[in-house]
Each structure stands twice: as structure tokens, then as C-alpha cells.
């Protein structure tokens, strides 16, 4: 497989998996660890949320950022392990 196609598929995977994980997190908040309250309050103050809509936006952005980090790290770790196994 060519490098460009492989990179494109990896980017598509990371974006798709990030959106799916974020959707699962927001639809089932009890299934994932809760954000510590002092950190959540600090984020609300930093973002400057004034109402419920802005709070929902903050929740979405935070969930996307955490999901992207998790998916990216898992993908990089999986790729590293895959290459180590294939190359012996």
C-alpha cells in the first residue's frame, strides 16, 4: 500500500473513531469516568460559559479533545506494536 493512501486511511480512522467515541461518551456519560469537579469548574470559568448552550458546547469540545487524544495514542501504540511484530 502506498504511503499516501496509508496516511489518508489512518487520518480517516482517527477522525471517525474520535467522532464515534465522543458520541458514545455524550450519549452514555455514566459509562465513562467523570471529570473531577474542580477541573470542570476551572474549565467553565476559563471558557466563560454564561448559559446552558455554552456549557453544552464546552462539553462537546472537551469530549472531542479527550477522545482525539485517546484514539491518536491508541492508534500510534497499535502501529508501533504492529511494526515491531512484523519486523521481528
PDB file of N, CA and C in Angstrom:
ATOM      1  N   UNK A   1       0.846  -1.165   0.000  1.00  0.00           N
ATOM      2  CA  UNK A   1       0.000   0.000   0.000  1.00  0.00           C
ATOM      3  C   UNK A   1       0.900   1.239   0.000  1.00  0.00           C
ATOM      4  N   UNK A   2       0.554   2.217  -0.782  1.00  0.00           N
ATOM      5  CA  UNK A   2       1.378   3.421  -0.863  1.00  0.00           C
ATOM      6  C   UNK A   2       1.261   4.241   0.418  1.00  0.00           C
ATOM      7  N   UNK A   3       2.339   5.004   0.690  1.00  0.00           N
ATOM      8  CA  UNK A   3       2.384   5.784   1.929  1.00  0.00           C
ATOM      9  C   UNK A   3       1.247   6.792   2.009  1.00  0.00           C
ATOM     10  N   UNK A   4       0.943   7.458   0.914  1.00  0.00           N
ATOM     11  CA  UNK A   4      -0.120   8.466   0.917  1.00  0.00           C
ATOM     12  C   UNK A   4      -1.478   7.869   1.245  1.00  0.00           C
ATOM     13  N   UNK A   5      -1.781   6.731   0.648  1.00  0.00           N
ATOM     14  CA  UNK A   5      -3.050   6.057   0.917  1.00  0.00           C
ATOM     15  C   UNK A   5      -3.108   5.579   2.364  1.00  0.00           C
ATOM     16  N   UNK A   6      -1.995   5.034   2.845  1.00  0.00           N
ATOM     17  CA  UNK A   6      -1.935   4.561   4.231  1.00  0.00           C
ATOM     18  C   UNK A   6      -2.149   5.716   5.214  1.00  0.00           C
ATOM     19  N   UNK A   7      -1.506   6.844   4.932  1.00  0.00           N
ATOM     20  CA  UNK A   7      -1.669   8.020   5.789  1.00  0.00           C
ATOM     21  C   UNK A   7      -3.106   8.529   5.744  1.00  0.00           C
ATOM     22  N   UNK A   8      -3.683   8.567   4.553  1.00  0.00           N
ATOM     23  CA  UNK A   8      -5.074   9.005   4.411  1.00  0.00           C
ATOM     24  C   UNK A   8      -6.044   8.122   5.176  1.00  0.00           C
ATOM     25  N   UNK A   9      -5.820   6.814   5.096  1.00  0.00           N
ATOM     26  CA  UNK A   9      -6.677   5.877   5.839  1.00  0.00           C
ATOM     27  C   UNK A   9      -6.500   6.032   7.342  1.00  0.00           C
ATOM     28  N   UNK A  10      -5.271   6.274   7.768  1.00  0.00           N
ATOM     29  CA  UNK A  10      -5.024   6.471   9.201  1.00  0.00           C
ATOM     30  C   UNK A  10      -5.721   7.734   9.696  1.00  0.00           C
ATOM     31  N   UNK A  11      -5.658   8.803   8.924  1.00  0.00           N
ATOM     32  CA  UNK A  11      -6.338  10.053   9.302  1.00  0.00           C
ATOM     33  C   UNK A  11      -7.843   9.845   9.334  1.00  0.00           C
ATOM     34  N   UNK A  12      -8.374   9.153   8.320  1.00  0.00           N
ATOM     35  CA  UNK A  12      -9.814   8.871   8.285  1.00  0.00           C
ATOM     36  C   UNK A  12     -10.217   8.035   9.490  1.00  0.00           C
ATOM     37  N   UNK A  13      -9.397   7.043   9.860  1.00  0.00           N
ATOM     38  CA  UNK A  13      -9.670   6.212  11.029  1.00  0.00           C
ATOM     39  C   UNK A  13      -9.711   7.053  12.299  1.00  0.00           C
ATOM     40  N   UNK A  14      -8.697   7.904  12.482  1.00  0.00           N
ATOM     41  CA  UNK A  14      -8.617   8.697  13.714  1.00  0.00           C
ATOM     42  C   UNK A  14      -9.824   9.630  13.816  1.00  0.00           C
ATOM     43  N   UNK A  15     -10.179  10.275  12.726  1.00  0.00           N
ATOM     44  CA  UNK A  15     -11.327  11.189  12.770  1.00  0.00           C
ATOM     45  C   UNK A  15     -12.632  10.443  13.019  1.00  0.00           C
ATOM     46  N   UNK A  16     -12.830   9.329  12.332  1.00  0.00           N
ATOM     47  CA  UNK A  16     -14.067   8.547  12.515  1.00  0.00           C
ATOM     48  C   UNK A  16     -14.177   7.984  13.930  1.00  0.00           C
ATOM     49  N   UNK A  17     -13.093   7.413  14.410  1.00  0.00           N
ATOM     50  CA  UNK A  17     -13.108   6.832  15.755  1.00  0.00           C
ATOM     51  C   UNK A  17     -13.282   7.911  16.818  1.00  0.00           C
ATOM     52  N   UNK A  18     -12.705   9.089  16.591  1.00  0.00           N
ATOM     53  CA  UNK A  18     -12.867  10.194  17.537  1.00  0.00           C
ATOM     54  C   UNK A  18     -14.332  10.615  17.620  1.00  0.00           C
ATOM     55  N   UNK A  19     -14.970  10.764  16.481  1.00  0.00           N
ATOM     56  CA  UNK A  19     -16.382  11.165  16.466  1.00  0.00           C
ATOM     57  C   UNK A  19     -17.245  10.085  17.121  1.00  0.00           C
ATOM     58  N   UNK A  20     -16.967   8.823  16.831  1.00  0.00           N
ATOM     59  CA  UNK A  20     -17.742   7.734  17.424  1.00  0.00           C
ATOM     60  C   UNK A  20     -17.564   7.682  18.944  1.00  0.00           C
ATOM     61  N   UNK A  21     -16.322   7.793  19.407  1.00  0.00           N
ATOM     62  CA  UNK A  21     -16.074   7.769  20.854  1.00  0.00           C
ATOM     63  C   UNK A  21     -16.721   8.959  21.546  1.00  0.00           C
ATOM     64  N   UNK A  22     -16.655  10.130  20.931  1.00  0.00           N
ATOM     65  CA  UNK A  22     -17.300  11.314  21.500  1.00  0.00           C
ATOM     66  C   UNK A  22     -18.806  11.118  21.576  1.00  0.00           C
ATOM     67  N   UNK A  23     -19.386  10.574  20.528  1.00  0.00           N
ATOM     68  CA  UNK A  23     -20.838  10.323  20.500  1.00  0.00           C
ATOM     69  C   UNK A  23     -21.240   9.339  21.604  1.00  0.00           C
ATOM     70  N   UNK A  24     -20.448   8.276  21.754  1.00  0.00           N
ATOM     71  CA  UNK A  24     -20.741   7.304  22.814  1.00  0.00           C
ATOM     72  C   UNK A  24     -20.614   7.941  24.193  1.00  0.00           C
ATOM     73  N   UNK A  25     -19.599   8.772  24.380  1.00  0.00           N
ATOM     74  CA  UNK A  25     -19.371   9.427  25.663  1.00  0.00           C
ATOM     75  C   UNK A  25     -20.520  10.366  26.007  1.00  0.00           C
ATOM     76  N   UNK A  26     -20.947  11.171  25.032  1.00  0.00           N
ATOM     77  CA  UNK A  26     -22.014  12.133  25.312  1.00  0.00           C
ATOM     78  C   UNK A  26     -23.375  11.453  25.461  1.00  0.00           C
ATOM     79  N   UNK A  27     -23.584  10.324  24.781  1.00  0.00           N
ATOM     80  CA  UNK A  27     -24.858   9.611  24.890  1.00  0.00           C
ATOM     81  C   UNK A  27     -24.936   8.776  26.170  1.00  0.00           C
ATOM     82  N   UNK A  28     -23.783   8.334  26.682  1.00  0.00           N
ATOM     83  CA  UNK A  28     -23.743   7.489  27.883  1.00  0.00           C
ATOM     84  C   UNK A  28     -22.719   8.042  28.868  1.00  0.00           C
ATOM     85  N   UNK A  29     -23.000   9.178  29.490  1.00  0.00           N
ATOM     86  CA  UNK A  29     -21.993   9.793  30.366  1.00  0.00           C
ATOM     87  C   UNK A  29     -21.649   8.949  31.590  1.00  0.00           C
ATOM     88  N   UNK A  30     -22.542   8.099  32.032  1.00  0.00           N
ATOM     89  CA  UNK A  30     -22.275   7.276  33.206  1.00  0.00           C
ATOM     90  C   UNK A  30     -21.327   6.122  32.922  1.00  0.00           C
ATOM     91  N   UNK A  31     -21.107   5.798  31.656  1.00  0.00           N
ATOM     92  CA  UNK A  31     -20.251   4.671  31.291  1.00  0.00           C
ATOM     93  C   UNK A  31     -18.771   5.042  31.278  1.00  0.00           C
ATOM     94  N   UNK A  32     -18.473   6.323  31.366  1.00  0.00           N
ATOM     95  CA  UNK A  32     -17.090   6.793  31.315  1.00  0.00           C
ATOM     96  C   UNK A  32     -16.749   7.488  32.627  1.00  0.00           C
ATOM     97  N   UNK A  33     -15.461   7.588  32.952  1.00  0.00           N
ATOM     98  CA  UNK A  33     -15.076   8.276  34.194  1.00  0.00           C
ATOM     99  C   UNK A  33     -15.521   9.741  34.185  1.00  0.00           C
ATOM    100  N   UNK A  34     -15.894  10.227  35.351  1.00  0.00           N
ATOM    101  CA  UNK A  34     -16.333  11.610  35.479  1.00  0.00           C
ATOM    102  C   UNK A  34     -15.132  12.541  35.595  1.00  0.00           C
ATOM    103  N   UNK A  35     -15.292  13.739  35.080  1.00  0.00           N
ATOM    104  CA  UNK A  35     -14.254  14.764  35.199  1.00  0.00           C
ATOM    105  C   UNK A  35     -14.306  15.299  36.627  1.00  0.00           C
ATOM    106  N   UNK A  36     -13.169  15.439  37.295  1.00  0.00           N
ATOM    107  CA  UNK A  36     -13.179  15.975  38.660  1.00  0.00           C
ATOM    108  C   UNK A  36     -13.833  17.367  38.688  1.00  0.00           C
ATOM    109  N   UNK A  37     -14.658  17.610  39.694  1.00  0.00           N
ATOM    110  CA  UNK A  37     -15.425  18.844  39.763  1.00  0.00           C
ATOM    111  C   UNK A  37     -14.560  20.107  39.773  1.00  0.00           C
ATOM    112  N   UNK A  38     -13.449  20.161  40.520  1.00  0.00           N
ATOM    113  CA  UNK A  38     -12.630  21.388  40.462  1.00  0.00           C
ATOM    114  C   UNK A  38     -12.101  21.678  39.058  1.00  0.00           C
ATOM    115  N   UNK A  39     -11.719  20.613  38.329  1.00  0.00           N
ATOM    116  CA  UNK A  39     -11.247  20.801  36.956  1.00  0.00           C
ATOM    117  C   UNK A  39     -12.381  21.271  36.054  1.00  0.00           C
ATOM    118  N   UNK A  40     -13.571  20.689  36.226  1.00  0.00           N
ATOM    119  CA  UNK A  40     -14.730  21.094  35.424  1.00  0.00           C
ATOM    120  C   UNK A  40     -15.082  22.558  35.687  1.00  0.00           C
ATOM    121  N   UNK A  41     -15.072  22.963  36.941  1.00  0.00           N
ATOM    122  CA  UNK A  41     -15.365  24.370  37.270  1.00  0.00           C
ATOM    123  C   UNK A  41     -14.312  25.308  36.696  1.00  0.00           C
ATOM    124  N   UNK A  42     -13.041  24.872  36.716  1.00  0.00           N
ATOM    125  CA  UNK A  42     -11.979  25.680  36.142  1.00  0.00           C
ATOM    126  C   UNK A  42     -12.176  25.831  34.633  1.00  0.00           C
ATOM    127  N   UNK A  43     -12.572  24.738  33.966  1.00  0.00           N
ATOM    128  CA  UNK A  43     -12.833  24.804  32.526  1.00  0.00           C
ATOM    129  C   UNK A  43     -13.997  25.738  32.207  1.00  0.00           C
ATOM    130  N   UNK A  44     -15.054  25.663  32.996  1.00  0.00           N
ATOM    131  CA  UNK A  44     -16.214  26.535  32.778  1.00  0.00           C
ATOM    132  C   UNK A  44     -15.801  27.992  32.935  1.00  0.00           C
ATOM    133  N   UNK A  45     -15.006  28.277  33.949  1.00  0.00           N
ATOM    134  CA  UNK A  45     -14.541  29.644  34.166  1.00  0.00           C
ATOM    135  C   UNK A  45     -13.608  30.091  33.035  1.00  0.00           C
ATOM    136  N   UNK A  46     -12.729  29.209  32.609  1.00  0.00           N
ATOM    137  CA  UNK A  46     -11.797  29.527  31.532  1.00  0.00           C
ATOM    138  C   UNK A  46     -12.536  29.771  30.219  1.00  0.00           C
ATOM    139  N   UNK A  47     -13.517  28.939  29.914  1.00  0.00           N
ATOM    140  CA  UNK A  47     -14.297  29.058  28.679  1.00  0.00           C
ATOM    141  C   UNK A  47     -15.253  30.241  28.748  1.00  0.00           C
ATOM    142  N   UNK A  48     -15.678  30.594  29.944  1.00  0.00           N
ATOM    143  CA  UNK A  48     -16.589  31.713  30.122  1.00  0.00           C
ATOM    144  C   UNK A  48     -18.035  31.378  29.815  1.00  0.00           C
ATOM    145  N   UNK A  49     -18.452  30.166  30.155  1.00  0.00           N
ATOM    146  CA  UNK A  49     -19.827  29.749  29.896  1.00  0.00           C
ATOM    147  C   UNK A  49     -20.805  30.624  30.667  1.00  0.00           C
ATOM    148  N   UNK A  50     -21.791  31.151  29.964  1.00  0.00           N
ATOM    149  CA  UNK A  50     -22.812  32.008  30.570  1.00  0.00           C
ATOM    150  C   UNK A  50     -24.164  31.314  30.681  1.00  0.00           C
ATOM    151  N   UNK A  51     -24.393  30.292  29.844  1.00  0.00           N
ATOM    152  CA  UNK A  51     -25.703  29.634  29.852  1.00  0.00           C
ATOM    153  C   UNK A  51     -25.527  28.153  29.504  1.00  0.00           C
ATOM    154  N   UNK A  52     -26.630  27.450  29.441  1.00  0.00           N
ATOM    155  CA  UNK A  52     -26.599  26.015  29.191  1.00  0.00           C
ATOM    156  C   UNK A  52     -26.074  25.645  27.816  1.00  0.00           C
ATOM    157  N   UNK A  53     -26.368  26.476  26.822  1.00  0.00           N
ATOM    158  CA  UNK A  53     -25.895  26.184  25.466  1.00  0.00           C
ATOM    159  C   UNK A  53     -24.363  26.267  25.388  1.00  0.00           C
ATOM    160  N   UNK A  54     -23.806  27.272  26.029  1.00  0.00           N
ATOM    161  CA  UNK A  54     -22.346  27.401  26.044  1.00  0.00           C
ATOM    162  C   UNK A  54     -21.708  26.275  26.854  1.00  0.00           C
ATOM    163  N   UNK A  55     -22.389  25.844  27.899  1.00  0.00           N
ATOM    164  CA  UNK A  55     -21.894  24.719  28.692  1.00  0.00           C
ATOM    165  C   UNK A  55     -21.903  23.439  27.863  1.00  0.00           C
ATOM    166  N   UNK A  56     -22.941  23.233  27.049  1.00  0.00           N
ATOM    167  CA  UNK A  56     -23.008  22.066  26.165  1.00  0.00           C
ATOM    168  C   UNK A  56     -21.903  22.130  25.108  1.00  0.00           C
ATOM    169  N   UNK A  57     -21.627  23.331  24.604  1.00  0.00           N
ATOM    170  CA  UNK A  57     -20.528  23.490  23.645  1.00  0.00           C
ATOM    171  C   UNK A  57     -19.200  23.110  24.290  1.00  0.00           C
ATOM    172  N   UNK A  58     -18.982  23.565  25.513  1.00  0.00           N
ATOM    173  CA  UNK A  58     -17.756  23.224  26.236  1.00  0.00           C
ATOM    174  C   UNK A  58     -17.647  21.719  26.437  1.00  0.00           C
ATOM    175  N   UNK A  59     -18.740  21.094  26.796  1.00  0.00           N
ATOM    176  CA  UNK A  59     -18.744  19.646  26.998  1.00  0.00           C
ATOM    177  C   UNK A  59     -18.376  18.924  25.703  1.00  0.00           C
ATOM    178  N   UNK A  60     -18.922  19.398  24.576  1.00  0.00           N
ATOM    179  CA  UNK A  60     -18.620  18.783  23.287  1.00  0.00           C
ATOM    180  C   UNK A  60     -17.141  18.958  22.931  1.00  0.00           C
ATOM    181  N   UNK A  61     -16.603  20.169  23.088  1.00  0.00           N
ATOM    182  CA  UNK A  61     -15.204  20.423  22.747  1.00  0.00           C
ATOM    183  C   UNK A  61     -14.261  19.621  23.639  1.00  0.00           C
ATOM    184  N   UNK A  62     -14.581  19.561  24.922  1.00  0.00           N
ATOM    185  CA  UNK A  62     -13.749  18.792  25.845  1.00  0.00           C
ATOM    186  C   UNK A  62     -13.788  17.307  25.482  1.00  0.00           C
ATOM    187  N   UNK A  63     -14.975  16.792  25.205  1.00  0.00           N
ATOM    188  CA  UNK A  63     -15.113  15.382  24.839  1.00  0.00           C
ATOM    189  C   UNK A  63     -14.363  15.071  23.547  1.00  0.00           C
ATOM    190  N   UNK A  64     -14.458  15.966  22.576  1.00  0.00           N
ATOM    191  CA  UNK A  64     -13.726  15.766  21.324  1.00  0.00           C
ATOM    192  C   UNK A  64     -12.212  15.756  21.555  1.00  0.00           C
ATOM    193  N   UNK A  65     -11.728  16.679  22.374  1.00  0.00           N
ATOM    194  CA  UNK A  65     -10.288  16.753  22.638  1.00  0.00           C
ATOM    195  C   UNK A  65      -9.787  15.497  23.343  1.00  0.00           C
ATOM    196  N   UNK A  66     -10.503  15.046  24.345  1.00  0.00           N
ATOM    197  CA  UNK A  66     -10.091  13.846  25.076  1.00  0.00           C
ATOM    198  C   UNK A  66     -10.197  12.614  24.172  1.00  0.00           C
ATOM    199  N   UNK A  67     -11.277  12.507  23.419  1.00  0.00           N
ATOM    200  CA  UNK A  67     -11.449  11.372  22.517  1.00  0.00           C
ATOM    201  C   UNK A  67     -10.356  11.343  21.451  1.00  0.00           C
ATOM    202  N   UNK A  68     -10.031  12.513  20.895  1.00  0.00           N
ATOM    203  CA  UNK A  68      -8.974  12.589  19.887  1.00  0.00           C
ATOM    204  C   UNK A  68      -7.643  12.131  20.481  1.00  0.00           C
ATOM    205  N   UNK A  69      -7.358  12.556  21.689  1.00  0.00           N
ATOM    206  CA  UNK A  69      -6.104  12.157  22.344  1.00  0.00           C
ATOM    207  C   UNK A  69      -6.057  10.648  22.564  1.00  0.00           C
ATOM    208  N   UNK A  70      -7.145  10.085  23.046  1.00  0.00           N
ATOM    209  CA  UNK A  70      -7.194   8.647  23.306  1.00  0.00           C
ATOM    210  C   UNK A  70      -7.041   7.847  22.018  1.00  0.00           C
ATOM    211  N   UNK A  71      -7.789   8.225  20.987  1.00  0.00           N
ATOM    212  CA  UNK A  71      -7.740   7.487  19.719  1.00  0.00           C
ATOM    213  C   UNK A  71      -6.369   7.620  19.064  1.00  0.00           C
ATOM    214  N   UNK A  72      -5.805   8.818  19.092  1.00  0.00           N
ATOM    215  CA  UNK A  72      -4.489   9.025  18.484  1.00  0.00           C
ATOM    216  C   UNK A  72      -3.414   8.211  19.198  1.00  0.00           C
ATOM    217  N   UNK A  73      -3.408   8.258  20.525  1.00  0.00           N
ATOM    218  CA  UNK A  73      -2.424   7.479  21.278  1.00  0.00           C
ATOM    219  C   UNK A  73      -2.595   5.978  21.064  1.00  0.00           C
ATOM    220  N   UNK A  74      -3.833   5.508  21.055  1.00  0.00           N
ATOM    221  CA  UNK A  74      -4.083   4.082  20.830  1.00  0.00           C
ATOM    222  C   UNK A  74      -3.658   3.674  19.423  1.00  0.00           C
ATOM    223  N   UNK A  75      -3.899   4.521  18.440  1.00  0.00           N
ATOM    224  CA  UNK A  75      -3.508   4.225  17.064  1.00  0.00           C
ATOM    225  C   UNK A  75      -1.988   4.197  16.923  1.00  0.00           C
ATOM    226  N   UNK A  76      -1.314   5.177  17.511  1.00  0.00           N
ATOM    227  CA  UNK A  76       0.149   5.194  17.452  1.00  0.00           C
ATOM    228  C   UNK A  76       0.743   3.987  18.159  1.00  0.00           C
ATOM    229  N   UNK A  77       0.196   3.640  19.317  1.00  0.00           N
ATOM    230  CA  UNK A  77       0.670   2.472  20.048  1.00  0.00           C
ATOM    231  C   UNK A  77       0.427   1.193  19.244  1.00  0.00           C
ATOM    232  N   UNK A  78      -0.747   1.071  18.651  1.00  0.00           N
ATOM    233  CA  UNK A  78      -1.051  -0.094  17.816  1.00  0.00           C
ATOM    234  C   UNK A  78      -0.130  -0.185  16.612  1.00  0.00           C
ATOM    235  N   UNK A  79       0.148   0.954  15.967  1.00  0.00           N
ATOM    236  CA  UNK A  79       1.064   0.965  14.834  1.00  0.00           C
ATOM    237  C   UNK A  79       2.470   0.586  15.235  1.00  0.00           C
ATOM    238  N   UNK A  80       2.913   1.081  16.380  1.00  0.00           N
ATOM    239  CA  UNK A  80       4.245   0.737  16.878  1.00  0.00           C
ATOM    240  C   UNK A  80       4.352  -0.758  17.148  1.00  0.00           C
ATOM    241  N   UNK A  81       3.366  -1.323  17.815  1.00  0.00           N
ATOM    242  CA  UNK A  81       3.371  -2.753  18.116  1.00  0.00           C
ATOM    243  C   UNK A  81       3.315  -3.572  16.825  1.00  0.00           C
ATOM    244  N   UNK A  82       2.473  -3.148  15.881  1.00  0.00           N
ATOM    245  CA  UNK A  82       2.343  -3.847  14.602  1.00  0.00           C
ATOM    246  C   UNK A  82       3.689  -3.897  13.874  1.00  0.00           C
ATOM    247  N   UNK A  83       4.388  -2.768  13.823  1.00  0.00           N
ATOM    248  CA  UNK A  83       5.675  -2.730  13.135  1.00  0.00           C
ATOM    249  C   UNK A  83       6.734  -3.554  13.864  1.00  0.00           C
ATOM    250  N   UNK A  84       6.699  -3.552  15.183  1.00  0.00           N
ATOM    251  CA  UNK A  84       7.659  -4.358  15.946  1.00  0.00           C
ATOM    252  C   UNK A  84       7.435  -5.850  15.715  1.00  0.00           C
ATOM    253  N   UNK A  85       6.173  -6.256  15.619  1.00  0.00           N
ATOM    254  CA  UNK A  85       5.856  -7.674  15.385  1.00  0.00           C
ATOM    255  C   UNK A  85       6.255  -8.078  13.970  1.00  0.00           C
ATOM    256  N   UNK A  86       5.931  -7.236  12.988  1.00  0.00           N
ATOM    257  CA  UNK A  86       6.217  -7.569  11.587  1.00  0.00           C
ATOM    258  C   UNK A  86       7.711  -7.589  11.284  1.00  0.00           C
ATOM    259  N   UNK A  87       8.478  -6.749  11.907  1.00  0.00           N
ATOM    260  CA  UNK A  87       9.919  -6.666  11.618  1.00  0.00           C
ATOM    261  C   UNK A  87      10.753  -7.568  12.528  1.00  0.00           C
ATOM    262  N   UNK A  88      10.083  -8.178  13.474  1.00  0.00           N
ATOM    263  CA  UNK A  88      10.756  -9.146  14.328  1.00  0.00           C
ATOM    264  C   UNK A  88      11.461  -8.538  15.432  1.00  0.00           C
TER     265      UNK A  88
END
